[in-house]
Amino acid sequence: MDRASAYKTELKHCLERFGANLRRLRTSPGRSLSQEDLAFATNLHRTEIGSLEQGRSEPRLTTLLILADGLAVTLDELVAGVPVPVERRPGPKSRPRERRNRAGG
């Protein structure tokens, strides 16, 4: 598997795990919020919450903070069990660059 494919596979797994955490925390006993309830509490759109829970979108840091606050949990609780990615997003030019001869241009 090439780096780009490995990155996409790993990212998908991370986002799915995060989404499962978000859904678990939102629906946990004693909290039992609908996506709409959480959307109201966080001032995020319901479809954004659904997209996060389904692992279709990657949250920004501010969104993580807002969700943790809206659920009254820590960031640690929100991301518990989400693996730290090993692969990094390949750059636009992931091939090694050729060295230029500085003397001749």
C-alpha atoms as a PDB file:
ATOM      1  CA  MET A   1       0.000   0.000   0.000  1.00  0.00           C
ATOM      2  CA  ASP A   2       1.403   3.406  -0.942  1.00  0.00           C
ATOM      3  CA  ARG A   3       1.649   6.263   1.572  1.00  0.00           C
ATOM      4  CA  ALA A   4      -1.407   8.110   0.289  1.00  0.00           C
ATOM      5  CA  SER A   5      -3.598   5.008   0.572  1.00  0.00           C
ATOM      6  CA  ALA A   6      -2.210   4.176   4.012  1.00  0.00           C
ATOM      7  CA  TYR A   7      -2.908   7.751   5.144  1.00  0.00           C
ATOM      8  CA  LYS A   8      -6.504   7.661   3.869  1.00  0.00           C
ATOM      9  CA  THR A   9      -7.163   4.278   5.508  1.00  0.00           C
ATOM     10  CA  GLU A  10      -5.744   5.413   8.830  1.00  0.00           C
ATOM     11  CA  LEU A  11      -7.613   8.728   8.743  1.00  0.00           C
ATOM     12  CA  LYS A  12     -10.881   6.907   8.009  1.00  0.00           C
ATOM     13  CA  HIS A  13     -10.339   4.659  11.030  1.00  0.00           C
ATOM     14  CA  CYS A  14      -9.558   7.653  13.289  1.00  0.00           C
ATOM     15  CA  LEU A  15     -12.639   9.567  12.153  1.00  0.00           C
ATOM     16  CA  GLU A  16     -14.892   6.541  12.571  1.00  0.00           C
ATOM     17  CA  ARG A  17     -13.563   5.976  16.102  1.00  0.00           C
ATOM     18  CA  PHE A  18     -14.076   9.647  16.968  1.00  0.00           C
ATOM     19  CA  GLY A  19     -17.615   9.498  15.571  1.00  0.00           C
ATOM     20  CA  ALA A  20     -18.395   6.456  17.699  1.00  0.00           C
ATOM     21  CA  ASN A  21     -17.130   8.314  20.788  1.00  0.00           C
ATOM     22  CA  LEU A  22     -19.244  11.344  19.976  1.00  0.00           C
ATOM     23  CA  ARG A  23     -22.375   9.219  19.503  1.00  0.00           C
ATOM     24  CA  ARG A  24     -21.657   7.210  22.688  1.00  0.00           C
ATOM     25  CA  LEU A  25     -21.209  10.356  24.774  1.00  0.00           C
ATOM     26  CA  ARG A  26     -24.261  12.040  23.254  1.00  0.00           C
ATOM     27  CA  THR A  27     -26.547   9.064  23.892  1.00  0.00           C
ATOM     28  CA  SER A  28     -25.085   7.900  27.213  1.00  0.00           C
ATOM     29  CA  PRO A  29     -27.505   7.268  30.094  1.00  0.00           C
ATOM     30  CA  GLY A  30     -28.220  10.451  31.985  1.00  0.00           C
ATOM     31  CA  ARG A  31     -27.431  12.571  28.933  1.00  0.00           C
ATOM     32  CA  SER A  32     -29.405  10.959  26.103  1.00  0.00           C
ATOM     33  CA  LEU A  33     -29.312  13.915  23.698  1.00  0.00           C
ATOM     34  CA  SER A  34     -30.583  13.845  20.142  1.00  0.00           C
ATOM     35  CA  GLN A  35     -28.364  15.302  17.437  1.00  0.00           C
ATOM     36  CA  GLU A  36     -30.749  18.233  17.372  1.00  0.00           C
ATOM     37  CA  ASP A  37     -30.398  18.747  21.157  1.00  0.00           C
ATOM     38  CA  LEU A  38     -26.617  18.739  20.862  1.00  0.00           C
ATOM     39  CA  ALA A  39     -26.800  21.084  17.878  1.00  0.00           C
ATOM     40  CA  PHE A  40     -28.858  23.522  19.958  1.00  0.00           C
ATOM     41  CA  ALA A  41     -26.489  23.236  22.948  1.00  0.00           C
ATOM     42  CA  THR A  42     -23.389  23.824  20.817  1.00  0.00           C
ATOM     43  CA  ASN A  43     -24.765  26.132  18.118  1.00  0.00           C
ATOM     44  CA  LEU A  44     -23.473  23.685  15.502  1.00  0.00           C
ATOM     45  CA  HIS A  45     -25.665  22.454  12.680  1.00  0.00           C
ATOM     46  CA  ARG A  46     -27.346  19.075  13.178  1.00  0.00           C
ATOM     47  CA  THR A  47     -25.974  17.810   9.864  1.00  0.00           C
ATOM     48  CA  GLU A  48     -22.424  18.648  10.998  1.00  0.00           C
ATOM     49  CA  ILE A  49     -22.919  16.523  14.101  1.00  0.00           C
ATOM     50  CA  GLY A  50     -24.298  13.697  11.966  1.00  0.00           C
ATOM     51  CA  SER A  51     -21.372  13.955   9.576  1.00  0.00           C
ATOM     52  CA  LEU A  52     -18.897  13.797  12.475  1.00  0.00           C
ATOM     53  CA  GLU A  53     -20.658  10.804  14.011  1.00  0.00           C
ATOM     54  CA  GLN A  54     -20.542   8.976  10.691  1.00  0.00           C
ATOM     55  CA  GLY A  55     -16.823   9.667  10.288  1.00  0.00           C
ATOM     56  CA  ARG A  56     -17.382  11.663   7.093  1.00  0.00           C
ATOM     57  CA  SER A  57     -15.708  14.879   8.232  1.00  0.00           C
ATOM     58  CA  GLU A  58     -12.671  15.838  10.277  1.00  0.00           C
ATOM     59  CA  PRO A  59     -13.393  18.304  13.088  1.00  0.00           C
ATOM     60  CA  ARG A  60     -11.378  21.451  13.650  1.00  0.00           C
ATOM     61  CA  LEU A  61      -9.888  22.145  17.056  1.00  0.00           C
ATOM     62  CA  THR A  62     -12.558  24.741  17.831  1.00  0.00           C
ATOM     63  CA  THR A  63     -15.281  22.215  16.982  1.00  0.00           C
ATOM     64  CA  LEU A  64     -13.710  19.694  19.373  1.00  0.00           C
ATOM     65  CA  LEU A  65     -13.688  22.303  22.136  1.00  0.00           C
ATOM     66  CA  ILE A  66     -17.308  23.274  21.446  1.00  0.00           C
ATOM     67  CA  LEU A  67     -18.457  19.633  21.442  1.00  0.00           C
ATOM     68  CA  ALA A  68     -16.608  18.838  24.674  1.00  0.00           C
ATOM     69  CA  ASP A  69     -18.172  21.878  26.317  1.00  0.00           C
ATOM     70  CA  GLY A  70     -21.649  21.035  25.025  1.00  0.00           C
ATOM     71  CA  LEU A  71     -21.365  17.468  26.309  1.00  0.00           C
ATOM     72  CA  ALA A  72     -19.724  18.573  29.586  1.00  0.00           C
ATOM     73  CA  VAL A  73     -16.751  16.263  29.007  1.00  0.00           C
ATOM     74  CA  THR A  74     -13.012  16.778  28.616  1.00  0.00           C
ATOM     75  CA  LEU A  75     -11.213  16.609  25.300  1.00  0.00           C
ATOM     76  CA  ASP A  76      -9.573  13.445  26.637  1.00  0.00           C
ATOM     77  CA  GLU A  77     -12.982  11.832  27.014  1.00  0.00           C
ATOM     78  CA  LEU A  78     -14.037  12.992  23.570  1.00  0.00           C
ATOM     79  CA  VAL A  79     -11.017  11.441  21.841  1.00  0.00           C
ATOM     80  CA  ALA A  80     -10.509   8.439  24.147  1.00  0.00           C
ATOM     81  CA  GLY A  81      -9.355   5.413  22.195  1.00  0.00           C
ATOM     82  CA  VAL A  82      -8.856   7.322  18.941  1.00  0.00           C
ATOM     83  CA  PRO A  83      -5.494   6.110  17.677  1.00  0.00           C
ATOM     84  CA  VAL A  84      -2.714   8.588  17.025  1.00  0.00           C
ATOM     85  CA  PRO A  85      -2.050   8.412  13.283  1.00  0.00           C
ATOM     86  CA  VAL A  86       1.293   7.040  12.176  1.00  0.00           C
ATOM     87  CA  GLU A  87       0.992   8.165   8.583  1.00  0.00           C
ATOM     88  CA  ARG A  88       1.120  11.831   7.678  1.00  0.00           C
ATOM     89  CA  ARG A  89      -0.630  13.430   4.756  1.00  0.00           C
ATOM     90  CA  PRO A  90       1.690  13.139   1.780  1.00  0.00           C
ATOM     91  CA  GLY A  91       2.720  16.498   0.412  1.00  0.00           C
ATOM     92  CA  PRO A  92       1.739  17.609  -3.075  1.00  0.00           C
ATOM     93  CA  LYS A  93       5.216  16.657  -4.271  1.00  0.00           C
ATOM     94  CA  SER A  94       5.900  13.526  -2.279  1.00  0.00           C
ATOM     95  CA  ARG A  95       8.658  12.426  -4.638  1.00  0.00           C
ATOM     96  CA  PRO A  96      12.238  13.236  -3.609  1.00  0.00           C
ATOM     97  CA  ARG A  97      13.485  16.441  -5.164  1.00  0.00           C
ATOM     98  CA  GLU A  98      16.451  16.434  -7.483  1.00  0.00           C
ATOM     99  CA  ARG A  99      19.422  18.450  -6.373  1.00  0.00           C
ATOM    100  CA  ARG A 100      20.212  21.434  -8.501  1.00  0.00           C
ATOM    101  CA  ASN A 101      23.721  22.333  -9.444  1.00  0.00           C
ATOM    102  CA  ARG A 102      24.184  25.671  -7.667  1.00  0.00           C
ATOM    103  CA  ALA A 103      27.130  26.667  -9.833  1.00  0.00           C
ATOM    104  CA  GLY A 104      25.341  26.350 -13.147  1.00  0.00           C
ATOM    105  CA  GLY A 105      21.752  26.931 -12.156  1.00  0.00           C
END
